[in-house]
C-alpha atoms as a PDB file:
ATOM      1  CA  MET A   1     -57.464   8.915 104.220  1.00  0.00           C
ATOM      2  CA  ALA A   2     -55.916   5.991 102.405  1.00  0.00           C
ATOM      3  CA  PHE A   3     -53.734   6.458  99.333  1.00  0.00           C
ATOM      4  CA  GLN A   4     -55.669   3.557  97.790  1.00  0.00           C
ATOM      5  CA  ASP A   5     -58.546   6.047  97.470  1.00  0.00           C
ATOM      6  CA  TYR A   6     -56.550   7.691  94.684  1.00  0.00           C
ATOM      7  CA  SER A   7     -56.012   6.182  91.261  1.00  0.00           C
ATOM      8  CA  LEU A   8     -53.306   8.769  90.578  1.00  0.00           C
ATOM      9  CA  ILE A   9     -50.446  10.115  92.685  1.00  0.00           C
ATOM     10  CA  GLN A  10     -48.382  13.087  91.540  1.00  0.00           C
ATOM     11  CA  ALA A  11     -44.844  11.979  92.351  1.00  0.00           C
ATOM     12  CA  PRO A  12     -42.663  13.948  94.761  1.00  0.00           C
ATOM     13  CA  MET A  13     -40.030  15.844  92.785  1.00  0.00           C
ATOM     14  CA  ALA A  14     -37.469  17.698  94.861  1.00  0.00           C
ATOM     15  CA  GLY A  15     -36.066  21.044  93.796  1.00  0.00           C
ATOM     16  CA  GLY A  16     -39.281  23.039  93.482  1.00  0.00           C
ATOM     17  CA  LEU A  17     -40.875  20.927  90.764  1.00  0.00           C
ATOM     18  CA  SER A  18     -43.932  19.544  92.553  1.00  0.00           C
ATOM     19  CA  THR A  19     -47.416  20.546  91.465  1.00  0.00           C
ATOM     20  CA  ALA A  20     -49.209  19.341  94.586  1.00  0.00           C
ATOM     21  CA  GLU A  21     -51.698  22.205  94.755  1.00  0.00           C
ATOM     22  CA  GLY A  22     -53.300  21.643  91.372  1.00  0.00           C
ATOM     23  CA  ALA A  23     -53.105  17.863  91.620  1.00  0.00           C
ATOM     24  CA  GLY A  24     -54.971  17.934  94.922  1.00  0.00           C
ATOM     25  CA  ARG A  25     -57.698  20.219  93.619  1.00  0.00           C
ATOM     26  CA  ALA A  26     -58.214  17.890  90.656  1.00  0.00           C
ATOM     27  CA  GLY A  27     -58.656  14.817  92.860  1.00  0.00           C
ATOM     28  CA  ALA A  28     -55.174  13.254  92.692  1.00  0.00           C
ATOM     29  CA  LEU A  29     -52.863  12.851  95.653  1.00  0.00           C
ATOM     30  CA  GLY A  30     -50.310  15.634  95.311  1.00  0.00           C
ATOM     31  CA  SER A  31     -46.807  15.267  96.763  1.00  0.00           C
ATOM     32  CA  VAL A  32     -44.311  17.807  98.075  1.00  0.00           C
ATOM     33  CA  GLY A  33     -40.738  16.779  97.244  1.00  0.00           C
ATOM     34  CA  ALA A  34     -39.053  18.117 100.377  1.00  0.00           C
ATOM     35  CA  GLY A  35     -35.691  16.359 100.226  1.00  0.00           C
ATOM     36  CA  TYR A  36     -33.742  19.613  99.883  1.00  0.00           C
ATOM     37  CA  LEU A  37     -36.013  21.864 101.985  1.00  0.00           C
ATOM     38  CA  SER A  38     -35.328  23.270 105.440  1.00  0.00           C
ATOM     39  CA  GLY A  39     -37.827  22.737 108.217  1.00  0.00           C
ATOM     40  CA  ASP A  40     -39.273  26.223 107.744  1.00  0.00           C
ATOM     41  CA  ALA A  41     -39.570  25.684 103.997  1.00  0.00           C
ATOM     42  CA  ILE A  42     -41.416  22.411 104.554  1.00  0.00           C
ATOM     43  CA  MET A  43     -43.944  24.166 106.776  1.00  0.00           C
ATOM     44  CA  ALA A  44     -44.366  26.928 104.194  1.00  0.00           C
ATOM     45  CA  ALA A  45     -44.874  24.400 101.398  1.00  0.00           C
ATOM     46  CA  ALA A  46     -47.508  22.516 103.409  1.00  0.00           C
ATOM     47  CA  ASP A  47     -49.318  25.761 104.232  1.00  0.00           C
ATOM     48  CA  GLY A  48     -49.259  26.679 100.544  1.00  0.00           C
ATOM     49  CA  VAL A  49     -50.828  23.391  99.470  1.00  0.00           C
ATOM     50  CA  ARG A  50     -53.576  23.701 102.066  1.00  0.00           C
ATOM     51  CA  ALA A  51     -54.276  27.329 101.188  1.00  0.00           C
ATOM     52  CA  ALA A  52     -54.661  26.295  97.549  1.00  0.00           C
ATOM     53  CA  GLY A  53     -57.280  23.681  98.425  1.00  0.00           C
ATOM     54  CA  GLY A  54     -55.162  20.541  98.635  1.00  0.00           C
ATOM     55  CA  ASP A  55     -56.271  19.222 102.016  1.00  0.00           C
ATOM     56  CA  ALA A  56     -54.802  15.735 101.560  1.00  0.00           C
ATOM     57  CA  PHE A  57     -51.227  15.550 100.285  1.00  0.00           C
ATOM     58  CA  ALA A  58     -47.948  13.732 100.792  1.00  0.00           C
ATOM     59  CA  ILE A  59     -44.534  14.971 101.914  1.00  0.00           C
ATOM     60  CA  ASN A  60     -41.431  13.080 100.776  1.00  0.00           C
ATOM     61  CA  LEU A  61     -37.967  13.087 102.399  1.00  0.00           C
ATOM     62  CA  PHE A  62     -34.609  11.415 101.749  1.00  0.00           C
ATOM     63  CA  VAL A  63     -33.291   9.021 104.404  1.00  0.00           C
ATOM     64  CA  PRO A  64     -29.690  10.085 105.195  1.00  0.00           C
ATOM     65  CA  ALA A  65     -26.735   8.135 103.838  1.00  0.00           C
ATOM     66  CA  GLU A  66     -24.993   5.745 106.208  1.00  0.00           C
ATOM     67  CA  ARG A  67     -21.651   7.509 105.845  1.00  0.00           C
ATOM     68  CA  ASP A  68     -20.041  10.686 104.506  1.00  0.00           C
ATOM     69  CA  ALA A  69     -17.259  10.794 101.963  1.00  0.00           C
ATOM     70  CA  THR A  70     -13.747  10.341 103.308  1.00  0.00           C
ATOM     71  CA  ASP A  71     -11.258  13.168 102.806  1.00  0.00           C
ATOM     72  CA  ALA A  72      -9.604  11.134 100.053  1.00  0.00           C
ATOM     73  CA  GLU A  73     -12.927  10.527  98.276  1.00  0.00           C
ATOM     74  CA  TRP A  74     -13.859  14.198  98.542  1.00  0.00           C
ATOM     75  CA  ARG A  75     -10.523  15.387  97.123  1.00  0.00           C
ATOM     76  CA  ALA A  76     -10.562  12.836  94.289  1.00  0.00           C
ATOM     77  CA  ALA A  77     -14.097  13.753  93.275  1.00  0.00           C
ATOM     78  CA  LEU A  78     -13.360  17.474  93.417  1.00  0.00           C
ATOM     79  CA  LYS A  79     -10.262  17.000  91.251  1.00  0.00           C
ATOM     80  CA  ALA A  80     -12.280  14.991  88.719  1.00  0.00           C
ATOM     81  CA  LEU A  81     -14.884  17.764  88.549  1.00  0.00           C
ATOM     82  CA  ALA A  82     -12.359  20.539  87.866  1.00  0.00           C
ATOM     83  CA  PRO A  83     -12.424  19.977  84.054  1.00  0.00           C
ATOM     84  CA  CYS A  84     -16.237  19.966  84.139  1.00  0.00           C
ATOM     85  CA  TYR A  85     -16.325  23.355  85.838  1.00  0.00           C
ATOM     86  CA  ARG A  86     -13.814  24.688  83.285  1.00  0.00           C
ATOM     87  CA  GLN A  87     -15.731  23.321  80.280  1.00  0.00           C
ATOM     88  CA  ALA A  88     -18.935  24.854  81.606  1.00  0.00           C
ATOM     89  CA  GLY A  89     -17.255  28.212  82.247  1.00  0.00           C
ATOM     90  CA  VAL A  90     -18.205  28.127  85.929  1.00  0.00           C
ATOM     91  CA  PRO A  91     -15.641  29.073  88.605  1.00  0.00           C
ATOM     92  CA  ALA A  92     -15.008  26.212  91.006  1.00  0.00           C
ATOM     93  CA  PRO A  93     -16.182  27.349  94.461  1.00  0.00           C
ATOM     94  CA  ASP A  94     -14.211  26.915  97.673  1.00  0.00           C
ATOM     95  CA  HIS A  95     -17.353  26.293  99.737  1.00  0.00           C
ATOM     96  CA  PHE A  96     -20.126  23.735  99.267  1.00  0.00           C
ATOM     97  CA  SER A  97     -23.398  24.120 101.156  1.00  0.00           C
ATOM     98  CA  PRO A  98     -24.516  21.293 103.460  1.00  0.00           C
ATOM     99  CA  LEU A  99     -27.855  19.588 103.010  1.00  0.00           C
ATOM    100  CA  PRO A 100     -30.683  20.252 105.485  1.00  0.00           C
ATOM    101  CA  ASP A 101     -30.690  18.256 108.714  1.00  0.00           C
ATOM    102  CA  PHE A 102     -32.956  15.217 108.401  1.00  0.00           C
ATOM    103  CA  ARG A 103     -34.152  15.398 112.016  1.00  0.00           C
ATOM    104  CA  GLU A 104     -35.207  19.011 111.489  1.00  0.00           C
ATOM    105  CA  GLN A 105     -36.983  18.056 108.281  1.00  0.00           C
ATOM    106  CA  PHE A 106     -38.746  15.146 109.952  1.00  0.00           C
ATOM    107  CA  GLU A 107     -39.949  17.254 112.880  1.00  0.00           C
ATOM    108  CA  ALA A 108     -41.290  19.855 110.461  1.00  0.00           C
ATOM    109  CA  MET A 109     -43.084  17.126 108.521  1.00  0.00           C
ATOM    110  CA  LEU A 110     -44.693  15.914 111.743  1.00  0.00           C
ATOM    111  CA  GLU A 111     -45.832  19.430 112.541  1.00  0.00           C
ATOM    112  CA  ALA A 112     -47.165  19.887 109.005  1.00  0.00           C
ATOM    113  CA  ARG A 113     -49.105  16.633 109.459  1.00  0.00           C
ATOM    114  CA  PRO A 114     -49.616  15.535 105.847  1.00  0.00           C
ATOM    115  CA  ALA A 115     -51.982  12.704 105.018  1.00  0.00           C
ATOM    116  CA  VAL A 116     -49.017  10.660 103.748  1.00  0.00           C
ATOM    117  CA  PHE A 117     -45.302  10.630 104.581  1.00  0.00           C
ATOM    118  CA  SER A 118     -43.175   8.913 101.957  1.00  0.00           C
ATOM    119  CA  TRP A 119     -39.422   8.442 101.862  1.00  0.00           C
ATOM    120  CA  THR A 120     -36.641   7.143  99.641  1.00  0.00           C
ATOM    121  CA  PHE A 121     -33.077   5.797  99.991  1.00  0.00           C
ATOM    122  CA  GLY A 122     -33.651   3.599 103.019  1.00  0.00           C
ATOM    123  CA  ARG A 123     -35.832   2.425 105.853  1.00  0.00           C
ATOM    124  CA  LEU A 124     -37.331   4.585 108.582  1.00  0.00           C
ATOM    125  CA  PRO A 125     -36.417   3.965 112.248  1.00  0.00           C
ATOM    126  CA  ARG A 126     -39.220   2.422 114.308  1.00  0.00           C
ATOM    127  CA  SER A 127     -39.339   5.465 116.592  1.00  0.00           C
ATOM    128  CA  MET A 128     -40.034   7.756 113.630  1.00  0.00           C
ATOM    129  CA  MET A 129     -42.697   5.412 112.302  1.00  0.00           C
ATOM    130  CA  ALA A 130     -44.370   5.432 115.721  1.00  0.00           C
ATOM    131  CA  ALA A 131     -44.306   9.244 115.807  1.00  0.00           C
ATOM    132  CA  CYS A 132     -46.082   9.328 112.450  1.00  0.00           C
ATOM    133  CA  ARG A 133     -48.681   6.780 113.517  1.00  0.00           C
ATOM    134  CA  ALA A 134     -49.441   8.800 116.640  1.00  0.00           C
ATOM    135  CA  ARG A 135     -50.467  11.635 114.313  1.00  0.00           C
ATOM    136  CA  GLY A 136     -52.449   9.470 111.919  1.00  0.00           C
ATOM    137  CA  ILE A 137     -49.946   9.863 109.068  1.00  0.00           C
ATOM    138  CA  THR A 138     -49.906   7.099 106.444  1.00  0.00           C
ATOM    139  CA  LEU A 139     -46.435   5.617 105.831  1.00  0.00           C
ATOM    140  CA  VAL A 140     -45.069   4.830 102.366  1.00  0.00           C
ATOM    141  CA  GLY A 141     -41.536   3.571 101.644  1.00  0.00           C
ATOM    142  CA  THR A 142     -39.756   3.078  98.315  1.00  0.00           C
ATOM    143  CA  ALA A 143     -38.343  -0.132  96.842  1.00  0.00           C
ATOM    144  CA  THR A 144     -36.467  -0.982  93.668  1.00  0.00           C
ATOM    145  CA  HIS A 145     -36.130  -4.737  94.345  1.00  0.00           C
ATOM    146  CA  ARG A 146     -38.198  -7.451  96.001  1.00  0.00           C
ATOM    147  CA  ASP A 147     -35.890  -7.708  99.015  1.00  0.00           C
ATOM    148  CA  GLU A 148     -36.332  -3.995  99.718  1.00  0.00           C
ATOM    149  CA  ALA A 149     -40.102  -4.354  99.399  1.00  0.00           C
ATOM    150  CA  LEU A 150     -40.107  -7.313 101.776  1.00  0.00           C
ATOM    151  CA  ALA A 151     -38.087  -5.338 104.327  1.00  0.00           C
ATOM    152  CA  LEU A 152     -40.515  -2.419 104.157  1.00  0.00           C
ATOM    153  CA  ALA A 153     -43.481  -4.758 104.477  1.00  0.00           C
ATOM    154  CA  GLY A 154     -41.834  -6.275 107.554  1.00  0.00           C
ATOM    155  CA  ASP A 155     -41.467  -2.793 109.005  1.00  0.00           C
ATOM    156  CA  GLY A 156     -45.229  -2.378 108.742  1.00  0.00           C
ATOM    157  CA  VAL A 157     -45.515   0.392 106.165  1.00  0.00           C
ATOM    158  CA  ASP A 158     -48.949   1.155 104.757  1.00  0.00           C
ATOM    159  CA  GLY A 159     -47.770   1.174 101.160  1.00  0.00           C
ATOM    160  CA  ILE A 160     -44.709   0.631  99.006  1.00  0.00           C
ATOM    161  CA  VAL A 161     -43.703   2.634  95.948  1.00  0.00           C
ATOM    162  CA  LEU A 162     -42.255   0.150  93.461  1.00  0.00           C
ATOM    163  CA  GLN A 163     -39.935   2.279  91.362  1.00  0.00           C
ATOM    164  CA  GLY A 164     -38.998   0.753  88.026  1.00  0.00           C
ATOM    165  CA  GLU A 165     -35.786   1.620  86.226  1.00  0.00           C
ATOM    166  CA  GLU A 166     -37.821   3.685  83.753  1.00  0.00           C
ATOM    167  CA  ALA A 167     -38.387   6.379  86.409  1.00  0.00           C
ATOM    168  CA  GLY A 168     -36.885   9.834  86.093  1.00  0.00           C
ATOM    169  CA  GLY A 169     -34.650  11.220  88.806  1.00  0.00           C
ATOM    170  CA  HIS A 170     -32.912   9.176  91.466  1.00  0.00           C
ATOM    171  CA  ARG A 171     -33.418   5.499  92.077  1.00  0.00           C
ATOM    172  CA  GLY A 172     -35.039   5.383  95.476  1.00  0.00           C
ATOM    173  CA  GLY A 173     -33.658   2.100  96.790  1.00  0.00           C
ATOM    174  CA  VAL A 174     -31.295   1.537  99.704  1.00  0.00           C
ATOM    175  CA  ASP A 175     -28.162   0.700  97.690  1.00  0.00           C
ATOM    176  CA  PRO A 176     -26.747   3.784  95.896  1.00  0.00           C
ATOM    177  CA  GLN A 177     -25.093   1.504  93.340  1.00  0.00           C
ATOM    178  CA  GLY A 178     -28.040  -0.868  92.950  1.00  0.00           C
ATOM    179  CA  GLU A 179     -29.209  -1.951  89.511  1.00  0.00           C
ATOM    180  CA  GLY A 180     -32.734  -1.062  88.499  1.00  0.00           C
ATOM    181  CA  LEU A 181     -35.473  -3.426  87.324  1.00  0.00           C
ATOM    182  CA  PRO A 182     -38.164  -2.784  84.715  1.00  0.00           C
ATOM    183  CA  LEU A 183     -41.426  -1.842  86.404  1.00  0.00           C
ATOM    184  CA  ALA A 184     -43.351  -4.793  84.941  1.00  0.00           C
ATOM    185  CA  GLU A 185     -40.758  -7.226  86.300  1.00  0.00           C
ATOM    186  CA  LEU A 186     -40.738  -5.508  89.696  1.00  0.00           C
ATOM    187  CA  LEU A 187     -44.527  -5.605  89.945  1.00  0.00           C
ATOM    188  CA  SER A 188     -44.601  -9.276  89.034  1.00  0.00           C
ATOM    189  CA  ALA A 189     -41.975 -10.063  91.687  1.00  0.00           C
ATOM    190  CA  CYS A 190     -43.778  -8.150  94.463  1.00  0.00           C
ATOM    191  CA  ARG A 191     -47.509  -8.558  93.894  1.00  0.00           C
ATOM    192  CA  ASP A 192     -47.724 -11.391  96.478  1.00  0.00           C
ATOM    193  CA  ILE A 193     -46.179  -9.369  99.329  1.00  0.00           C
ATOM    194  CA  GLY A 194     -49.526  -8.290 100.757  1.00  0.00           C
ATOM    195  CA  THR A 195     -48.786  -4.604 101.269  1.00  0.00           C
ATOM    196  CA  PRO A 196     -50.511  -2.217  98.831  1.00  0.00           C
ATOM    197  CA  LEU A 197     -48.224  -1.285  95.944  1.00  0.00           C
ATOM    198  CA  ILE A 198     -47.797   2.034  94.143  1.00  0.00           C
ATOM    199  CA  ALA A 199     -46.328   1.614  90.658  1.00  0.00           C
ATOM    200  CA  ALA A 200     -43.849   4.232  89.417  1.00  0.00           C
ATOM    201  CA  GLY A 201     -41.547   4.483  86.427  1.00  0.00           C
ATOM    202  CA  GLY A 202     -42.316   5.560  82.861  1.00  0.00           C
ATOM    203  CA  LEU A 203     -46.058   6.083  83.415  1.00  0.00           C
ATOM    204  CA  MET A 204     -47.373   9.015  81.379  1.00  0.00           C
ATOM    205  CA  ASP A 205     -51.093   8.545  80.734  1.00  0.00           C
ATOM    206  CA  GLY A 206     -54.234   6.843  81.970  1.00  0.00           C
ATOM    207  CA  ALA A 207     -53.678   3.735  79.888  1.00  0.00           C
ATOM    208  CA  ASP A 208     -50.340   3.280  81.657  1.00  0.00           C
ATOM    209  CA  VAL A 209     -52.063   3.614  85.032  1.00  0.00           C
ATOM    210  CA  ALA A 210     -54.739   1.106  84.033  1.00  0.00           C
ATOM    211  CA  ARG A 211     -52.049  -1.351  82.922  1.00  0.00           C
ATOM    212  CA  VAL A 212     -50.150  -1.312  86.230  1.00  0.00           C
ATOM    213  CA  MET A 213     -53.382  -1.548  88.219  1.00  0.00           C
ATOM    214  CA  ALA A 214     -54.319  -4.618  86.202  1.00  0.00           C
ATOM    215  CA  ALA A 215     -50.869  -6.030  87.072  1.00  0.00           C
ATOM    216  CA  GLY A 216     -51.466  -5.705  90.808  1.00  0.00           C
ATOM    217  CA  ALA A 217     -50.741  -2.095  91.770  1.00  0.00           C
ATOM    218  CA  ALA A 218     -53.215  -0.232  93.952  1.00  0.00           C
ATOM    219  CA  THR A 219     -52.471   2.982  92.082  1.00  0.00           C
ATOM    220  CA  GLY A 220     -49.936   4.679  89.804  1.00  0.00           C
ATOM    221  CA  GLN A 221     -47.469   7.458  90.563  1.00  0.00           C
ATOM    222  CA  LEU A 222     -46.492   9.883  87.773  1.00  0.00           C
ATOM    223  CA  GLY A 223     -43.738  12.492  87.889  1.00  0.00           C
ATOM    224  CA  THR A 224     -42.289  13.249  84.447  1.00  0.00           C
ATOM    225  CA  ALA A 225     -45.833  13.631  83.108  1.00  0.00           C
ATOM    226  CA  PHE A 226     -46.180  16.823  85.192  1.00  0.00           C
ATOM    227  CA  LEU A 227     -42.863  18.487  84.293  1.00  0.00           C
ATOM    228  CA  ARG A 228     -44.275  20.392  81.307  1.00  0.00           C
ATOM    229  CA  CYS A 229     -47.262  21.753  83.236  1.00  0.00           C
ATOM    230  CA  PRO A 230     -47.061  25.561  83.411  1.00  0.00           C
ATOM    231  CA  GLU A 231     -47.356  25.401  87.213  1.00  0.00           C
ATOM    232  CA  ALA A 232     -44.269  23.183  87.578  1.00  0.00           C
ATOM    233  CA  GLY A 233     -40.985  24.835  88.527  1.00  0.00           C
ATOM    234  CA  THR A 234     -39.254  23.361  85.483  1.00  0.00           C
ATOM    235  CA  ALA A 235     -36.560  25.660  84.064  1.00  0.00           C
ATOM    236  CA  ASP A 236     -36.966  26.886  80.468  1.00  0.00           C
ATOM    237  CA  GLY A 237     -34.048  24.865  79.080  1.00  0.00           C
ATOM    238  CA  TRP A 238     -35.369  21.748  80.778  1.00  0.00           C
ATOM    239  CA  ARG A 239     -38.838  22.346  79.314  1.00  0.00           C
ATOM    240  CA  GLN A 240     -37.367  22.684  75.857  1.00  0.00           C
ATOM    241  CA  ALA A 241     -35.346  19.494  76.269  1.00  0.00           C
ATOM    242  CA  LEU A 242     -38.526  17.671  77.269  1.00  0.00           C
ATOM    243  CA  ALA A 243     -40.440  19.107  74.316  1.00  0.00           C
ATOM    244  CA  ASP A 244     -37.654  17.999  71.946  1.00  0.00           C
ATOM    245  CA  ALA A 245     -37.202  14.545  73.524  1.00  0.00           C
ATOM    246  CA  GLY A 246     -37.401  11.422  71.408  1.00  0.00           C
ATOM    247  CA  PRO A 247     -38.030   7.835  72.582  1.00  0.00           C
ATOM    248  CA  ASP A 248     -34.342   7.325  73.426  1.00  0.00           C
ATOM    249  CA  ALA A 249     -33.700  10.728  74.982  1.00  0.00           C
ATOM    250  CA  THR A 250     -32.869   9.577  78.506  1.00  0.00           C
ATOM    251  CA  ALA A 251     -29.893   7.865  80.102  1.00  0.00           C
ATOM    252  CA  VAL A 252     -28.629   7.179  83.620  1.00  0.00           C
ATOM    253  CA  THR A 253     -25.700   8.631  85.541  1.00  0.00           C
ATOM    254  CA  ARG A 254     -24.261   8.577  89.042  1.00  0.00           C
ATOM    255  CA  ALA A 255     -21.880  11.452  88.371  1.00  0.00           C
ATOM    256  CA  VAL A 256     -24.363  14.100  89.515  1.00  0.00           C
ATOM    257  CA  SER A 257     -25.010  12.881  93.056  1.00  0.00           C
ATOM    258  CA  GLY A 258     -23.313   9.544  93.723  1.00  0.00           C
ATOM    259  CA  ARG A 259     -26.631   7.752  93.150  1.00  0.00           C
ATOM    260  CA  TRP A 260     -27.946   6.436  89.875  1.00  0.00           C
ATOM    261  CA  ALA A 261     -30.460   8.806  88.317  1.00  0.00           C
ATOM    262  CA  ARG A 262     -32.203   9.075  84.947  1.00  0.00           C
ATOM    263  CA  GLY A 263     -32.558  12.225  82.880  1.00  0.00           C
ATOM    264  CA  ILE A 264     -32.334  13.761  79.422  1.00  0.00           C
ATOM    265  CA  ALA A 265     -28.904  12.754  78.158  1.00  0.00           C
ATOM    266  CA  ASN A 266     -26.276  15.503  78.309  1.00  0.00           C
ATOM    267  CA  ALA A 267     -22.720  15.977  79.580  1.00  0.00           C
ATOM    268  CA  TRP A 268     -23.398  13.995  82.752  1.00  0.00           C
ATOM    269  CA  MET A 269     -24.041  10.858  80.708  1.00  0.00           C
ATOM    270  CA  ASP A 270     -21.127  10.953  78.253  1.00  0.00           C
ATOM    271  CA  GLY A 271     -17.327  11.202  78.173  1.00  0.00           C
ATOM    272  CA  ARG A 272     -17.356  14.667  79.710  1.00  0.00           C
ATOM    273  CA  ALA A 273     -18.653  13.337  83.038  1.00  0.00           C
ATOM    274  CA  PRO A 274     -16.194  12.744  85.901  1.00  0.00           C
ATOM    275  CA  THR A 275     -15.083   9.167  86.521  1.00  0.00           C
ATOM    276  CA  GLU A 276     -14.168   9.656  90.200  1.00  0.00           C
ATOM    277  CA  VAL A 277     -17.428  10.092  92.097  1.00  0.00           C
ATOM    278  CA  ALA A 278     -17.900  10.755  95.809  1.00  0.00           C
ATOM    279  CA  PRO A 279     -20.640   8.823  97.635  1.00  0.00           C
ATOM    280  CA  TYR A 280     -24.100  10.353  97.952  1.00  0.00           C
ATOM    281  CA  PRO A 281     -24.848  13.032  99.104  1.00  0.00           C
ATOM    282  CA  ASP A 282     -21.366  14.564  98.935  1.00  0.00           C
ATOM    283  CA  GLN A 283     -21.218  14.278  95.140  1.00  0.00           C
ATOM    284  CA  HIS A 284     -24.510  16.177  95.026  1.00  0.00           C
ATOM    285  CA  ARG A 285     -22.947  18.969  97.070  1.00  0.00           C
ATOM    286  CA  LEU A 286     -19.846  19.066  94.863  1.00  0.00           C
ATOM    287  CA  THR A 287     -21.828  19.333  91.620  1.00  0.00           C
ATOM    288  CA  SER A 288     -24.582  21.652  92.856  1.00  0.00           C
ATOM    289  CA  PRO A 289     -22.815  24.978  92.073  1.00  0.00           C
ATOM    290  CA  LEU A 290     -21.957  23.726  88.576  1.00  0.00           C
ATOM    291  CA  ARG A 291     -25.486  22.602  87.819  1.00  0.00           C
ATOM    292  CA  LYS A 292     -26.983  25.857  89.080  1.00  0.00           C
ATOM    293  CA  ALA A 293     -24.673  28.180  87.115  1.00  0.00           C
ATOM    294  CA  ALA A 294     -23.993  26.240  83.902  1.00  0.00           C
ATOM    295  CA  GLY A 295     -25.912  25.977  80.668  1.00  0.00           C
ATOM    296  CA  VAL A 296     -28.323  23.177  79.840  1.00  0.00           C
ATOM    297  CA  GLU A 297     -25.565  20.686  78.975  1.00  0.00           C
ATOM    298  CA  TRP A 298     -24.533  20.590  82.642  1.00  0.00           C
ATOM    299  CA  LYS A 299     -27.975  20.761  84.242  1.00  0.00           C
ATOM    300  CA  SER A 300     -29.581  17.712  85.832  1.00  0.00           C
ATOM    301  CA  LEU A 301     -32.550  17.327  83.473  1.00  0.00           C
ATOM    302  CA  TRP A 302     -34.273  14.496  85.326  1.00  0.00           C
ATOM    303  CA  ALA A 303     -36.922  12.688  83.306  1.00  0.00           C
ATOM    304  CA  GLY A 304     -38.245   9.172  82.836  1.00  0.00           C
ATOM    305  CA  THR A 305     -38.282   7.052  79.701  1.00  0.00           C
ATOM    306  CA  GLY A 306     -41.725   8.371  78.786  1.00  0.00           C
ATOM    307  CA  ALA A 307     -40.484  11.965  78.487  1.00  0.00           C
ATOM    308  CA  HIS A 308     -41.252  12.067  74.751  1.00  0.00           C
ATOM    309  CA  ARG A 309     -44.918  11.442  75.537  1.00  0.00           C
ATOM    310  CA  GLY A 310     -45.314  14.452  77.823  1.00  0.00           C
ATOM    311  CA  ARG A 311     -48.105  16.998  77.441  1.00  0.00           C
ATOM    312  CA  ALA A 312     -47.917  20.727  78.193  1.00  0.00           C
ATOM    313  CA  LEU A 313     -51.250  20.969  79.979  1.00  0.00           C
ATOM    314  CA  PRO A 314     -52.256  22.768  83.192  1.00  0.00           C
ATOM    315  CA  VAL A 315     -52.056  20.412  86.174  1.00  0.00           C
ATOM    316  CA  GLU A 316     -55.780  20.140  86.827  1.00  0.00           C
ATOM    317  CA  GLU A 317     -56.548  19.513  83.159  1.00  0.00           C
ATOM    318  CA  LEU A 318     -53.797  16.900  82.925  1.00  0.00           C
ATOM    319  CA  VAL A 319     -55.176  15.033  85.939  1.00  0.00           C
ATOM    320  CA  ARG A 320     -58.676  15.021  84.443  1.00  0.00           C
ATOM    321  CA  VAL A 321     -57.382  13.767  81.092  1.00  0.00           C
ATOM    322  CA  ILE A 322     -55.355  10.986  82.721  1.00  0.00           C
ATOM    323  CA  GLU A 323     -58.374   9.880  84.754  1.00  0.00           C
ATOM    324  CA  GLU A 324     -60.556   9.840  81.638  1.00  0.00           C
ATOM    325  CA  GLU A 325     -57.945   7.725  79.835  1.00  0.00           C
ATOM    326  CA  ARG A 326     -57.746   5.326  82.786  1.00  0.00           C
ATOM    327  CA  ARG A 327     -61.516   4.838  82.856  1.00  0.00           C
ATOM    328  CA  ALA A 328     -61.601   4.349  79.095  1.00  0.00           C
ATOM    329  CA  ALA A 329     -58.992   1.615  79.541  1.00  0.00           C
ATOM    330  CA  GLY A 330     -61.352  -0.196  81.911  1.00  0.00           C
ATOM    331  CA  ARG A 331     -59.959   0.500  85.390  1.00  0.00           C
END
């Protein structure tokens, strides 16, 4: 299996949002966003996709941060979040759950043996790449700048997701503070690298996919387009925010996790957001109880710039429609 065999990839969306089962049945490459899953949960998710008829799929993980927050950074960020908890009417907890162990996640991914393993936030050690190759797993890294794409190409990946600044959710590059680039500019800067490119960021329909393929991408990856599908694990308030979104509905913030991320604008993107932010992933841990318990103004409503163009269609129907639009556009 080669991801180039697919003209459409359903993007990995962590937090129970992925619609890999339906995407796979409809002929797209579905992705399991496993960044927050335990090893057992990863195995269960893979079994679920296969049982639903999605034989070929991708699993995505987050490469761990190079360092944890210092005690001073942790205390400063927690103090800055205290008013946010109060405004939201959520008691500030005295315990914050750790994230799953990356080694455990990786070993579970190997056992699950997906067709594709993709990752964000860094580069994969050579030993892990070799373990994947021994199992015939295709390797796909994520880049937000040409230098990141060149580094991944030098590592020998099979494909590179070029994530434009239009993308919803977290920027997947190495630098947590890195600036984003428009997808068209990123594609233009990287089309000579030689490694197959997967375009991501603001793509919502088949005409968008055809456009990026004409610009040098092997295929397109869509995430926000699937958030309004009934099969997606999108919360009701999030769905409503997407349905109500206008062309300028999204903004970026690093207050949620310590990494820049794009979503429907709410308290995290305005003067109510904390100004002292711990490095990723500690900020994510500090804000997680607030986001889970609060109302929609304090949720992380991740979405790309094309959110206002979303369609509330079942996954399989949406894939078919996107493919018809792509073919009509001449690709």
